[in-house]
N, C-alpha and C. Protein backbone atom coordinates (compact mmCIF):
# COMPACT_ATOMS: atom_id res chain seq x y z
N UNK A 1 -39.43 -3.25 18.07
CA UNK A 1 -38.09 -2.67 17.90
C UNK A 1 -37.04 -3.65 18.39
N UNK A 2 -35.90 -3.68 17.74
CA UNK A 2 -34.83 -4.60 18.08
C UNK A 2 -34.24 -4.28 19.46
N UNK A 3 -34.12 -2.99 19.79
CA UNK A 3 -33.57 -2.58 21.08
C UNK A 3 -34.59 -2.89 22.17
N UNK A 4 -34.17 -3.61 23.20
CA UNK A 4 -35.09 -4.08 24.21
C UNK A 4 -35.46 -3.01 25.22
N UNK A 5 -34.60 -2.02 25.41
CA UNK A 5 -34.86 -0.96 26.38
C UNK A 5 -35.32 0.31 25.66
N UNK A 6 -36.01 1.22 26.37
CA UNK A 6 -36.22 2.56 25.80
C UNK A 6 -34.86 3.20 25.51
N UNK A 7 -34.76 3.98 24.45
CA UNK A 7 -33.47 4.54 24.06
C UNK A 7 -32.85 5.40 25.15
N UNK A 8 -33.68 6.10 25.93
CA UNK A 8 -33.14 6.96 26.98
C UNK A 8 -32.69 6.18 28.21
N UNK A 9 -32.80 4.83 28.14
CA UNK A 9 -32.28 3.97 29.21
C UNK A 9 -31.23 3.00 28.67
N UNK A 10 -30.82 3.20 27.43
CA UNK A 10 -29.91 2.27 26.75
C UNK A 10 -28.49 2.83 26.67
N UNK A 11 -27.54 1.93 26.47
CA UNK A 11 -26.18 2.34 26.13
C UNK A 11 -26.06 2.28 24.62
N UNK A 12 -25.91 3.43 23.99
CA UNK A 12 -25.74 3.54 22.54
C UNK A 12 -24.31 3.97 22.27
N UNK A 13 -23.60 3.21 21.45
CA UNK A 13 -22.21 3.53 21.12
C UNK A 13 -22.12 3.95 19.67
N UNK A 14 -21.42 5.05 19.43
CA UNK A 14 -21.20 5.57 18.08
C UNK A 14 -19.78 5.19 17.66
N UNK A 15 -19.63 4.61 16.47
CA UNK A 15 -18.31 4.22 16.00
C UNK A 15 -18.06 4.70 14.57
N UNK A 16 -16.80 4.68 14.18
CA UNK A 16 -16.41 5.09 12.84
C UNK A 16 -15.00 5.64 12.85
N UNK A 17 -14.47 5.88 11.68
CA UNK A 17 -13.10 6.38 11.55
C UNK A 17 -12.98 7.79 12.11
N UNK A 18 -11.75 8.17 12.44
CA UNK A 18 -11.50 9.52 12.93
C UNK A 18 -12.00 10.55 11.92
N UNK A 19 -12.70 11.58 12.40
CA UNK A 19 -13.18 12.64 11.53
C UNK A 19 -14.55 12.40 10.93
N UNK A 20 -15.19 11.26 11.22
CA UNK A 20 -16.47 10.95 10.59
C UNK A 20 -17.65 11.61 11.32
N UNK A 21 -17.42 12.09 12.54
CA UNK A 21 -18.49 12.79 13.26
C UNK A 21 -19.04 12.07 14.47
N UNK A 22 -18.26 11.16 15.06
CA UNK A 22 -18.73 10.38 16.20
C UNK A 22 -19.07 11.26 17.40
N UNK A 23 -18.15 12.14 17.77
CA UNK A 23 -18.35 12.95 18.98
C UNK A 23 -19.51 13.91 18.81
N UNK A 24 -19.63 14.49 17.63
CA UNK A 24 -20.75 15.40 17.37
C UNK A 24 -22.08 14.69 17.51
N UNK A 25 -22.19 13.51 16.91
CA UNK A 25 -23.44 12.76 17.00
C UNK A 25 -23.70 12.31 18.44
N UNK A 26 -22.67 11.81 19.12
CA UNK A 26 -22.85 11.37 20.51
C UNK A 26 -23.37 12.50 21.38
N UNK A 27 -22.81 13.70 21.20
CA UNK A 27 -23.25 14.86 21.97
C UNK A 27 -24.70 15.20 21.69
N UNK A 28 -25.06 15.26 20.43
CA UNK A 28 -26.42 15.66 20.06
C UNK A 28 -27.45 14.60 20.40
N UNK A 29 -27.07 13.33 20.24
CA UNK A 29 -27.99 12.25 20.56
C UNK A 29 -28.23 12.18 22.07
N UNK A 30 -27.17 12.32 22.85
CA UNK A 30 -27.32 12.31 24.31
C UNK A 30 -28.18 13.47 24.78
N UNK A 31 -27.99 14.63 24.16
CA UNK A 31 -28.80 15.80 24.51
C UNK A 31 -30.27 15.56 24.18
N UNK A 32 -30.55 14.96 23.02
CA UNK A 32 -31.92 14.71 22.61
C UNK A 32 -32.61 13.67 23.50
N UNK A 33 -31.83 12.69 23.97
CA UNK A 33 -32.40 11.62 24.80
C UNK A 33 -32.29 11.92 26.29
N UNK A 34 -31.64 13.02 26.64
CA UNK A 34 -31.38 13.36 28.05
C UNK A 34 -30.59 12.24 28.73
N UNK A 35 -29.61 11.71 28.01
CA UNK A 35 -28.77 10.62 28.52
C UNK A 35 -27.41 11.16 28.92
N UNK A 36 -26.67 10.36 29.70
CA UNK A 36 -25.28 10.67 29.98
C UNK A 36 -24.47 10.48 28.69
N UNK A 37 -23.32 11.12 28.65
CA UNK A 37 -22.46 10.97 27.48
C UNK A 37 -21.02 10.87 27.94
N UNK A 38 -20.23 10.00 27.30
CA UNK A 38 -18.80 9.98 27.58
C UNK A 38 -18.04 9.77 26.29
N UNK A 39 -16.82 10.32 26.29
CA UNK A 39 -16.02 10.38 25.07
C UNK A 39 -14.69 9.66 25.24
N UNK A 40 -14.18 9.19 24.12
CA UNK A 40 -12.85 8.60 24.11
C UNK A 40 -11.82 9.68 24.45
N UNK A 41 -10.84 9.32 25.28
CA UNK A 41 -9.85 10.28 25.74
C UNK A 41 -8.63 10.29 24.81
N UNK A 42 -8.81 10.78 23.59
CA UNK A 42 -7.73 10.76 22.60
C UNK A 42 -6.67 11.81 22.91
N UNK A 43 -7.11 13.00 23.28
CA UNK A 43 -6.17 14.12 23.43
C UNK A 43 -5.17 13.88 24.55
N UNK A 44 -5.48 12.95 25.48
CA UNK A 44 -4.58 12.70 26.60
C UNK A 44 -3.49 11.70 26.26
N UNK A 45 -3.50 11.13 25.07
CA UNK A 45 -2.51 10.13 24.71
C UNK A 45 -1.22 10.82 24.28
N UNK A 46 -0.12 10.60 25.01
CA UNK A 46 1.11 11.33 24.69
C UNK A 46 1.80 10.85 23.42
N UNK A 47 1.35 9.72 22.87
CA UNK A 47 2.04 9.14 21.71
C UNK A 47 1.32 9.40 20.38
N UNK A 48 0.08 9.90 20.42
CA UNK A 48 -0.72 9.91 19.21
C UNK A 48 -0.14 10.82 18.13
N UNK A 49 0.33 12.00 18.50
CA UNK A 49 0.89 12.90 17.48
C UNK A 49 2.18 12.32 16.91
N UNK A 50 2.99 11.69 17.77
CA UNK A 50 4.21 11.03 17.30
C UNK A 50 3.88 9.88 16.36
N UNK A 51 2.79 9.17 16.67
CA UNK A 51 2.38 8.04 15.82
C UNK A 51 2.02 8.52 14.42
N UNK A 52 1.25 9.59 14.31
CA UNK A 52 0.86 10.08 12.99
C UNK A 52 2.08 10.54 12.19
N UNK A 53 3.13 10.96 12.88
CA UNK A 53 4.35 11.40 12.19
C UNK A 53 5.21 10.21 11.76
N UNK A 54 5.23 9.15 12.58
CA UNK A 54 6.08 7.98 12.30
C UNK A 54 5.38 6.73 12.82
N UNK A 55 4.38 6.21 12.08
CA UNK A 55 3.54 5.11 12.58
C UNK A 55 4.31 3.86 12.98
N UNK A 56 5.25 3.42 12.17
CA UNK A 56 5.92 2.15 12.46
C UNK A 56 6.72 2.21 13.76
N UNK A 57 7.26 3.36 14.07
CA UNK A 57 8.11 3.50 15.27
C UNK A 57 7.28 3.55 16.55
N UNK A 58 6.12 4.18 16.49
CA UNK A 58 5.36 4.45 17.72
C UNK A 58 4.06 3.65 17.83
N UNK A 59 3.84 2.71 16.92
CA UNK A 59 2.56 2.00 16.88
C UNK A 59 2.28 1.23 18.17
N UNK A 60 3.22 0.44 18.63
CA UNK A 60 2.98 -0.38 19.83
C UNK A 60 2.77 0.50 21.06
N UNK A 61 3.55 1.54 21.18
CA UNK A 61 3.41 2.44 22.33
C UNK A 61 2.03 3.08 22.35
N UNK A 62 1.55 3.55 21.19
CA UNK A 62 0.25 4.21 21.16
C UNK A 62 -0.87 3.22 21.42
N UNK A 63 -0.75 1.98 20.91
CA UNK A 63 -1.80 1.00 21.12
C UNK A 63 -1.91 0.58 22.58
N UNK A 64 -0.78 0.32 23.23
CA UNK A 64 -0.82 -0.06 24.64
C UNK A 64 -1.29 1.10 25.51
N UNK A 65 -0.88 2.31 25.14
CA UNK A 65 -1.34 3.48 25.87
C UNK A 65 -2.86 3.62 25.79
N UNK A 66 -3.40 3.44 24.57
CA UNK A 66 -4.86 3.50 24.41
C UNK A 66 -5.55 2.37 25.16
N UNK A 67 -4.99 1.19 25.11
CA UNK A 67 -5.60 0.05 25.79
C UNK A 67 -5.78 0.34 27.28
N UNK A 68 -4.72 0.78 27.93
CA UNK A 68 -4.80 1.03 29.37
C UNK A 68 -5.64 2.26 29.68
N UNK A 69 -5.59 3.27 28.81
CA UNK A 69 -6.41 4.46 29.02
C UNK A 69 -7.89 4.12 28.92
N UNK A 70 -8.27 3.35 27.89
CA UNK A 70 -9.67 2.97 27.72
C UNK A 70 -10.14 2.07 28.86
N UNK A 71 -9.29 1.15 29.28
CA UNK A 71 -9.65 0.26 30.38
C UNK A 71 -9.90 1.07 31.66
N UNK A 72 -9.01 1.99 31.95
CA UNK A 72 -9.17 2.83 33.15
C UNK A 72 -10.45 3.66 33.05
N UNK A 73 -10.73 4.16 31.85
CA UNK A 73 -11.93 4.97 31.65
C UNK A 73 -13.19 4.16 31.92
N UNK A 74 -13.28 2.95 31.35
CA UNK A 74 -14.47 2.12 31.53
C UNK A 74 -14.62 1.68 32.98
N UNK A 75 -13.51 1.42 33.66
CA UNK A 75 -13.59 1.04 35.07
C UNK A 75 -14.14 2.19 35.91
N UNK A 76 -13.72 3.41 35.60
CA UNK A 76 -14.22 4.57 36.35
C UNK A 76 -15.71 4.77 36.10
N UNK A 77 -16.18 4.49 34.87
CA UNK A 77 -17.60 4.63 34.57
C UNK A 77 -18.42 3.59 35.34
N UNK A 78 -17.86 2.39 35.48
CA UNK A 78 -18.54 1.36 36.27
C UNK A 78 -18.65 1.79 37.73
N UNK A 79 -17.60 2.36 38.26
CA UNK A 79 -17.61 2.79 39.65
C UNK A 79 -18.64 3.88 39.89
N UNK A 80 -18.89 4.71 38.86
CA UNK A 80 -19.92 5.75 38.96
C UNK A 80 -21.31 5.20 38.69
N UNK A 81 -21.40 3.91 38.32
CA UNK A 81 -22.67 3.26 37.98
C UNK A 81 -23.37 4.00 36.84
N UNK A 82 -22.57 4.49 35.90
CA UNK A 82 -23.11 5.29 34.82
C UNK A 82 -23.99 4.46 33.89
N UNK A 83 -23.73 3.15 33.81
CA UNK A 83 -24.48 2.31 32.89
C UNK A 83 -25.86 1.93 33.43
N UNK A 84 -26.17 2.35 34.65
CA UNK A 84 -27.50 2.06 35.21
C UNK A 84 -28.58 2.88 34.54
N UNK A 85 -28.21 3.96 33.88
CA UNK A 85 -29.18 4.81 33.16
C UNK A 85 -28.72 4.96 31.71
N UNK A 86 -29.41 5.76 30.94
CA UNK A 86 -29.06 5.94 29.54
C UNK A 86 -27.70 6.58 29.37
N UNK A 87 -26.93 6.09 28.38
CA UNK A 87 -25.61 6.65 28.12
C UNK A 87 -25.31 6.53 26.63
N UNK A 88 -24.64 7.54 26.10
CA UNK A 88 -24.16 7.52 24.71
C UNK A 88 -22.65 7.70 24.75
N UNK A 89 -21.93 6.81 24.05
CA UNK A 89 -20.48 6.90 23.99
C UNK A 89 -20.04 7.08 22.54
N UNK A 90 -18.84 7.63 22.35
CA UNK A 90 -18.36 7.81 20.98
C UNK A 90 -17.32 6.76 20.60
N UNK A 91 -17.35 5.61 21.28
CA UNK A 91 -16.51 4.48 20.89
C UNK A 91 -16.97 3.23 21.62
N UNK A 92 -16.55 2.06 21.11
CA UNK A 92 -16.71 0.80 21.81
C UNK A 92 -15.32 0.29 22.18
N UNK A 93 -15.24 -0.46 23.25
CA UNK A 93 -13.94 -0.92 23.71
C UNK A 93 -13.26 -1.82 22.67
N UNK A 94 -14.05 -2.55 21.91
CA UNK A 94 -13.49 -3.49 20.92
C UNK A 94 -12.69 -2.79 19.83
N UNK A 95 -12.85 -1.48 19.67
CA UNK A 95 -12.13 -0.78 18.61
C UNK A 95 -10.62 -0.82 18.84
N UNK A 96 -10.21 -1.05 20.08
CA UNK A 96 -8.79 -1.00 20.39
C UNK A 96 -8.02 -2.03 19.56
N UNK A 97 -8.55 -3.25 19.51
CA UNK A 97 -7.85 -4.27 18.73
C UNK A 97 -8.00 -4.02 17.23
N UNK A 98 -9.11 -3.43 16.83
CA UNK A 98 -9.30 -3.10 15.42
C UNK A 98 -8.14 -2.23 14.93
N UNK A 99 -7.79 -1.20 15.69
CA UNK A 99 -6.67 -0.35 15.30
C UNK A 99 -5.34 -1.09 15.40
N UNK A 100 -5.24 -1.99 16.38
CA UNK A 100 -4.00 -2.75 16.52
C UNK A 100 -3.73 -3.59 15.28
N UNK A 101 -4.76 -4.14 14.67
CA UNK A 101 -4.56 -4.96 13.46
C UNK A 101 -4.07 -4.11 12.29
N UNK A 102 -4.37 -2.83 12.30
CA UNK A 102 -3.94 -1.93 11.23
C UNK A 102 -2.51 -1.46 11.44
N UNK A 103 -2.16 -1.19 12.70
CA UNK A 103 -0.91 -0.48 12.98
C UNK A 103 0.26 -1.37 13.37
N UNK A 104 -0.01 -2.57 13.90
CA UNK A 104 1.06 -3.37 14.48
C UNK A 104 1.56 -4.45 13.52
N UNK A 105 2.83 -4.81 13.68
CA UNK A 105 3.38 -5.96 12.98
C UNK A 105 2.80 -7.22 13.61
N UNK A 106 3.02 -8.37 12.97
CA UNK A 106 2.51 -9.63 13.51
C UNK A 106 3.06 -9.91 14.91
N UNK A 107 4.35 -9.64 15.10
CA UNK A 107 4.97 -9.89 16.40
C UNK A 107 4.41 -8.93 17.45
N UNK A 108 4.24 -7.66 17.09
CA UNK A 108 3.68 -6.68 18.04
C UNK A 108 2.23 -7.01 18.37
N UNK A 109 1.47 -7.45 17.36
CA UNK A 109 0.07 -7.80 17.60
C UNK A 109 -0.04 -8.98 18.56
N UNK A 110 0.84 -9.95 18.43
CA UNK A 110 0.82 -11.10 19.33
C UNK A 110 1.08 -10.65 20.77
N UNK A 111 2.03 -9.73 20.95
CA UNK A 111 2.31 -9.20 22.28
C UNK A 111 1.12 -8.40 22.80
N UNK A 112 0.58 -7.56 21.94
CA UNK A 112 -0.60 -6.77 22.32
C UNK A 112 -1.73 -7.70 22.78
N UNK A 113 -2.00 -8.77 22.04
CA UNK A 113 -3.09 -9.69 22.39
C UNK A 113 -2.84 -10.35 23.74
N UNK A 114 -1.61 -10.68 24.05
CA UNK A 114 -1.30 -11.27 25.35
C UNK A 114 -1.65 -10.31 26.48
N UNK A 115 -1.26 -9.05 26.31
CA UNK A 115 -1.54 -8.05 27.33
C UNK A 115 -3.04 -7.79 27.44
N UNK A 116 -3.70 -7.65 26.29
CA UNK A 116 -5.13 -7.34 26.28
C UNK A 116 -5.95 -8.43 26.96
N UNK A 117 -5.58 -9.70 26.72
CA UNK A 117 -6.32 -10.81 27.34
C UNK A 117 -6.21 -10.77 28.86
N UNK A 118 -5.10 -10.31 29.37
CA UNK A 118 -4.89 -10.26 30.81
C UNK A 118 -5.69 -9.15 31.48
N UNK A 119 -5.87 -8.04 30.78
CA UNK A 119 -6.45 -6.86 31.44
C UNK A 119 -7.89 -6.57 31.05
N UNK A 120 -8.33 -7.06 29.88
CA UNK A 120 -9.66 -6.68 29.37
C UNK A 120 -10.70 -7.73 29.76
N UNK A 121 -11.27 -7.58 30.93
CA UNK A 121 -12.31 -8.50 31.39
C UNK A 121 -13.53 -7.72 31.83
N UNK A 122 -14.70 -8.35 31.68
CA UNK A 122 -15.97 -7.77 32.17
C UNK A 122 -16.27 -6.40 31.58
N UNK A 123 -15.97 -6.22 30.29
CA UNK A 123 -16.31 -4.98 29.61
C UNK A 123 -17.77 -5.10 29.12
N UNK A 124 -18.65 -4.19 29.51
CA UNK A 124 -20.06 -4.31 29.11
C UNK A 124 -20.25 -4.03 27.62
N UNK A 125 -21.23 -4.70 27.04
CA UNK A 125 -21.56 -4.47 25.63
C UNK A 125 -22.68 -3.45 25.52
N UNK A 126 -22.65 -2.60 24.49
CA UNK A 126 -23.73 -1.63 24.30
C UNK A 126 -25.04 -2.33 23.93
N UNK A 127 -26.13 -1.62 24.08
CA UNK A 127 -27.43 -2.12 23.60
C UNK A 127 -27.58 -1.91 22.10
N UNK A 128 -26.85 -0.91 21.57
CA UNK A 128 -26.88 -0.61 20.13
C UNK A 128 -25.57 0.04 19.73
N UNK A 129 -25.00 -0.38 18.60
CA UNK A 129 -23.85 0.29 18.01
C UNK A 129 -24.29 0.94 16.71
N UNK A 130 -23.92 2.20 16.54
CA UNK A 130 -24.17 2.94 15.30
C UNK A 130 -22.81 3.18 14.64
N UNK A 131 -22.62 2.57 13.47
CA UNK A 131 -21.36 2.72 12.73
C UNK A 131 -21.55 3.78 11.65
N UNK A 132 -20.83 4.89 11.78
CA UNK A 132 -20.89 5.97 10.80
C UNK A 132 -19.89 5.68 9.69
N UNK A 133 -20.40 5.54 8.50
CA UNK A 133 -19.60 5.15 7.34
C UNK A 133 -19.50 6.33 6.38
N UNK A 134 -18.31 6.58 5.84
CA UNK A 134 -18.15 7.69 4.91
C UNK A 134 -16.95 7.45 4.01
N UNK A 135 -16.92 8.16 2.89
CA UNK A 135 -15.82 8.07 1.94
C UNK A 135 -14.57 8.73 2.53
N UNK A 136 -13.41 8.16 2.25
CA UNK A 136 -12.16 8.66 2.81
C UNK A 136 -11.88 10.10 2.41
N UNK A 137 -12.22 10.48 1.19
CA UNK A 137 -11.97 11.85 0.74
C UNK A 137 -12.80 12.86 1.51
N UNK A 138 -14.04 12.50 1.81
CA UNK A 138 -14.91 13.39 2.59
C UNK A 138 -14.39 13.53 4.00
N UNK A 139 -13.96 12.41 4.60
CA UNK A 139 -13.42 12.47 5.96
C UNK A 139 -12.15 13.31 5.99
N UNK A 140 -11.29 13.17 5.00
CA UNK A 140 -10.06 13.97 4.97
C UNK A 140 -10.38 15.45 4.90
N UNK A 141 -11.40 15.81 4.15
CA UNK A 141 -11.82 17.21 4.09
C UNK A 141 -12.25 17.71 5.46
N UNK A 142 -12.98 16.89 6.20
CA UNK A 142 -13.43 17.29 7.53
C UNK A 142 -12.26 17.41 8.50
N UNK A 143 -11.30 16.47 8.38
CA UNK A 143 -10.12 16.53 9.25
C UNK A 143 -9.32 17.79 8.97
N UNK A 144 -9.13 18.11 7.72
CA UNK A 144 -8.39 19.32 7.37
C UNK A 144 -9.15 20.57 7.82
N UNK A 145 -10.48 20.51 7.71
CA UNK A 145 -11.29 21.66 8.09
C UNK A 145 -11.21 21.99 9.56
N UNK A 146 -11.13 20.96 10.43
CA UNK A 146 -11.06 21.26 11.86
C UNK A 146 -9.63 21.54 12.33
N UNK A 147 -8.63 21.14 11.51
CA UNK A 147 -7.25 21.61 11.67
C UNK A 147 -6.69 21.40 13.08
N UNK A 148 -6.84 20.18 13.60
CA UNK A 148 -6.27 19.87 14.90
C UNK A 148 -4.80 19.50 14.73
N UNK A 149 -3.95 20.03 15.61
CA UNK A 149 -2.50 19.83 15.48
C UNK A 149 -2.14 18.35 15.45
N UNK A 150 -2.75 17.55 16.33
CA UNK A 150 -2.39 16.14 16.43
C UNK A 150 -2.81 15.34 15.21
N UNK A 151 -3.73 15.88 14.37
CA UNK A 151 -4.24 15.15 13.21
C UNK A 151 -3.57 15.55 11.90
N UNK A 152 -2.69 16.52 11.94
CA UNK A 152 -2.11 17.03 10.69
C UNK A 152 -1.21 16.02 10.00
N UNK A 153 -0.73 15.02 10.74
CA UNK A 153 0.12 14.01 10.14
C UNK A 153 -0.62 12.83 9.54
N UNK A 154 -1.97 12.84 9.63
CA UNK A 154 -2.74 11.71 9.08
C UNK A 154 -2.62 11.68 7.57
N UNK A 155 -2.26 10.55 7.03
CA UNK A 155 -2.13 10.37 5.59
C UNK A 155 -3.38 9.68 5.03
N UNK A 156 -3.78 10.05 3.80
CA UNK A 156 -4.95 9.41 3.19
C UNK A 156 -4.85 7.89 3.13
N UNK A 157 -3.66 7.35 2.85
CA UNK A 157 -3.50 5.90 2.77
C UNK A 157 -3.78 5.24 4.11
N UNK A 158 -3.31 5.86 5.19
CA UNK A 158 -3.57 5.32 6.53
C UNK A 158 -5.07 5.36 6.82
N UNK A 159 -5.72 6.47 6.49
CA UNK A 159 -7.15 6.60 6.74
C UNK A 159 -7.94 5.53 5.98
N UNK A 160 -7.55 5.27 4.72
CA UNK A 160 -8.23 4.24 3.94
C UNK A 160 -8.06 2.85 4.58
N UNK A 161 -6.88 2.58 5.14
CA UNK A 161 -6.67 1.31 5.83
C UNK A 161 -7.58 1.20 7.06
N UNK A 162 -7.72 2.30 7.78
CA UNK A 162 -8.58 2.31 8.96
C UNK A 162 -10.03 2.06 8.57
N UNK A 163 -10.48 2.75 7.52
CA UNK A 163 -11.87 2.58 7.06
C UNK A 163 -12.10 1.14 6.61
N UNK A 164 -11.14 0.58 5.89
CA UNK A 164 -11.27 -0.81 5.44
C UNK A 164 -11.34 -1.77 6.62
N UNK A 165 -10.57 -1.49 7.67
CA UNK A 165 -10.61 -2.33 8.88
C UNK A 165 -11.95 -2.22 9.57
N UNK A 166 -12.50 -1.01 9.64
CA UNK A 166 -13.83 -0.81 10.22
C UNK A 166 -14.88 -1.57 9.42
N UNK A 167 -14.84 -1.42 8.10
CA UNK A 167 -15.83 -2.10 7.25
C UNK A 167 -15.76 -3.61 7.44
N UNK A 168 -14.55 -4.15 7.49
CA UNK A 168 -14.37 -5.58 7.69
C UNK A 168 -14.88 -6.01 9.06
N UNK A 169 -14.56 -5.22 10.08
CA UNK A 169 -14.97 -5.54 11.45
C UNK A 169 -16.49 -5.59 11.56
N UNK A 170 -17.16 -4.57 11.03
CA UNK A 170 -18.61 -4.51 11.19
C UNK A 170 -19.36 -5.39 10.19
N UNK A 171 -18.68 -5.81 9.12
CA UNK A 171 -19.30 -6.78 8.22
C UNK A 171 -19.55 -8.10 8.94
N UNK A 172 -18.66 -8.43 9.87
CA UNK A 172 -18.76 -9.69 10.62
C UNK A 172 -19.34 -9.49 12.03
N UNK A 173 -19.70 -8.27 12.37
CA UNK A 173 -20.10 -7.95 13.75
C UNK A 173 -21.45 -8.58 14.10
N UNK A 174 -21.50 -9.29 15.26
CA UNK A 174 -22.73 -9.95 15.69
C UNK A 174 -23.02 -9.73 17.18
N UNK A 175 -22.17 -9.01 17.88
CA UNK A 175 -22.27 -8.96 19.34
C UNK A 175 -23.47 -8.17 19.85
N UNK A 176 -23.89 -7.16 19.12
CA UNK A 176 -25.01 -6.32 19.55
C UNK A 176 -25.80 -5.91 18.31
N UNK A 177 -27.00 -5.36 18.48
CA UNK A 177 -27.66 -4.72 17.34
C UNK A 177 -26.76 -3.63 16.74
N UNK A 178 -26.78 -3.55 15.41
CA UNK A 178 -25.90 -2.62 14.69
C UNK A 178 -26.68 -1.90 13.61
N UNK A 179 -26.53 -0.58 13.58
CA UNK A 179 -27.09 0.23 12.50
C UNK A 179 -25.93 0.93 11.80
N UNK A 180 -25.72 0.60 10.53
CA UNK A 180 -24.68 1.26 9.73
C UNK A 180 -25.32 2.46 9.06
N UNK A 181 -24.75 3.64 9.29
CA UNK A 181 -25.31 4.89 8.77
C UNK A 181 -24.33 5.50 7.78
N UNK A 182 -24.76 5.64 6.53
CA UNK A 182 -23.93 6.25 5.49
C UNK A 182 -24.05 7.77 5.63
N UNK A 183 -22.91 8.45 5.87
CA UNK A 183 -22.95 9.87 6.22
C UNK A 183 -22.38 10.80 5.16
N UNK A 184 -22.14 10.31 3.93
CA UNK A 184 -21.62 11.20 2.90
C UNK A 184 -22.55 12.38 2.66
N UNK A 185 -23.86 12.13 2.75
CA UNK A 185 -24.85 13.19 2.53
C UNK A 185 -25.61 13.54 3.80
N UNK A 186 -25.14 13.04 4.92
CA UNK A 186 -25.83 13.26 6.19
C UNK A 186 -24.82 13.80 7.19
N UNK A 187 -24.95 15.06 7.54
CA UNK A 187 -23.99 15.70 8.43
C UNK A 187 -24.70 16.12 9.72
N UNK A 188 -24.42 15.41 10.79
CA UNK A 188 -25.10 15.68 12.05
C UNK A 188 -24.68 17.01 12.66
N UNK A 189 -23.56 17.56 12.20
CA UNK A 189 -23.12 18.86 12.70
C UNK A 189 -23.93 20.00 12.11
N UNK A 190 -24.41 19.84 10.88
CA UNK A 190 -25.08 20.94 10.17
C UNK A 190 -26.59 20.77 10.07
N UNK A 191 -27.07 19.54 10.12
CA UNK A 191 -28.49 19.27 9.90
C UNK A 191 -29.21 19.11 11.23
N UNK A 192 -30.04 20.07 11.58
CA UNK A 192 -30.74 20.06 12.87
C UNK A 192 -31.70 18.89 12.99
N UNK A 193 -32.23 18.41 11.86
CA UNK A 193 -33.23 17.34 11.89
C UNK A 193 -32.61 15.95 11.79
N UNK A 194 -31.31 15.89 11.56
CA UNK A 194 -30.67 14.60 11.30
C UNK A 194 -30.78 13.64 12.49
N UNK A 195 -30.63 14.17 13.70
CA UNK A 195 -30.71 13.30 14.89
C UNK A 195 -32.12 12.75 15.05
N UNK A 196 -33.14 13.58 14.79
CA UNK A 196 -34.53 13.10 14.86
C UNK A 196 -34.77 12.00 13.84
N UNK A 197 -34.22 12.16 12.63
CA UNK A 197 -34.35 11.13 11.60
C UNK A 197 -33.68 9.84 12.05
N UNK A 198 -32.53 9.97 12.69
CA UNK A 198 -31.80 8.79 13.16
C UNK A 198 -32.60 8.06 14.23
N UNK A 199 -33.13 8.80 15.20
CA UNK A 199 -33.93 8.17 16.25
C UNK A 199 -35.14 7.45 15.66
N UNK A 200 -35.76 8.09 14.67
CA UNK A 200 -36.89 7.45 14.00
C UNK A 200 -36.45 6.17 13.29
N UNK A 201 -35.28 6.21 12.64
CA UNK A 201 -34.78 5.03 11.92
C UNK A 201 -34.47 3.90 12.89
N UNK A 202 -33.89 4.20 14.03
CA UNK A 202 -33.61 3.17 15.03
C UNK A 202 -34.90 2.47 15.44
N UNK A 203 -35.96 3.25 15.57
CA UNK A 203 -37.24 2.69 15.98
C UNK A 203 -37.87 1.76 14.97
N UNK A 204 -37.40 1.81 13.73
CA UNK A 204 -37.96 0.93 12.69
C UNK A 204 -37.12 -0.32 12.46
N UNK A 205 -36.04 -0.49 13.22
CA UNK A 205 -35.16 -1.64 13.00
C UNK A 205 -35.91 -2.95 13.27
N UNK A 206 -35.85 -3.86 12.29
CA UNK A 206 -36.51 -5.16 12.40
C UNK A 206 -35.52 -6.30 12.58
N UNK A 207 -34.25 -6.07 12.28
CA UNK A 207 -33.22 -7.10 12.44
C UNK A 207 -32.03 -6.50 13.16
N UNK A 208 -31.11 -7.35 13.58
CA UNK A 208 -30.00 -6.88 14.41
C UNK A 208 -28.98 -6.07 13.63
N UNK A 209 -28.84 -6.32 12.35
CA UNK A 209 -27.88 -5.58 11.53
C UNK A 209 -28.60 -4.92 10.37
N UNK A 210 -28.62 -3.59 10.35
CA UNK A 210 -29.31 -2.87 9.29
C UNK A 210 -28.47 -1.71 8.78
N UNK A 211 -28.86 -1.18 7.63
CA UNK A 211 -28.15 -0.10 6.95
C UNK A 211 -29.12 1.04 6.68
N UNK A 212 -28.59 2.28 6.80
CA UNK A 212 -29.43 3.45 6.53
C UNK A 212 -28.62 4.50 5.79
N UNK A 213 -29.18 4.97 4.70
CA UNK A 213 -28.62 6.12 3.97
C UNK A 213 -29.77 7.07 3.69
N UNK A 214 -29.75 8.22 4.32
CA UNK A 214 -30.82 9.18 4.17
C UNK A 214 -30.57 10.03 2.91
N UNK A 215 -31.49 10.01 1.97
CA UNK A 215 -31.33 10.75 0.72
C UNK A 215 -32.30 11.93 0.60
N UNK A 216 -32.97 12.24 1.70
CA UNK A 216 -33.97 13.32 1.62
C UNK A 216 -33.29 14.69 1.62
């Protein structure tokens, strides 16, 4: 197996666009592996709802807010020594710049990069990243279905840009083992056996970057 540690002793990070099912999978996978779990603190960001309403005006504020929030979160996890045992997260720290490339102007991105270089040091890498991939129309249906107030301003065009940025990012990703999971027909919220299938698929990985689409 590509993963060097037993899964219940590994840091597994779930990634993907908003609404694709990261938190659901992280919760179920952590429960199945008896691992710790931690989530991105999106709801605590005071700028996110404003950003969805007027992206150009609030983009830099929301990005810097997320940067410092994520940094503080990871530092607190280190202090708890949470990474000494198995852990499942619903994001990787590197996603912060991924969103910055979508939302910021060239001048704002340059400023963001200066700040990020100063504060983002010694961030641990996961043992495995699972990228959940899905069609934008399906994700929009899920977002509308859960009807969260802060997400009502999300536009399909913005979501497509985010998905394209994710696809581009993980097409070139080499930092850790990566499993890309196509979820158009695989719903971890509804399928009780889906997590077992995923764990089995991870165990068959022969190379660092692989793709899985379950058609059963």
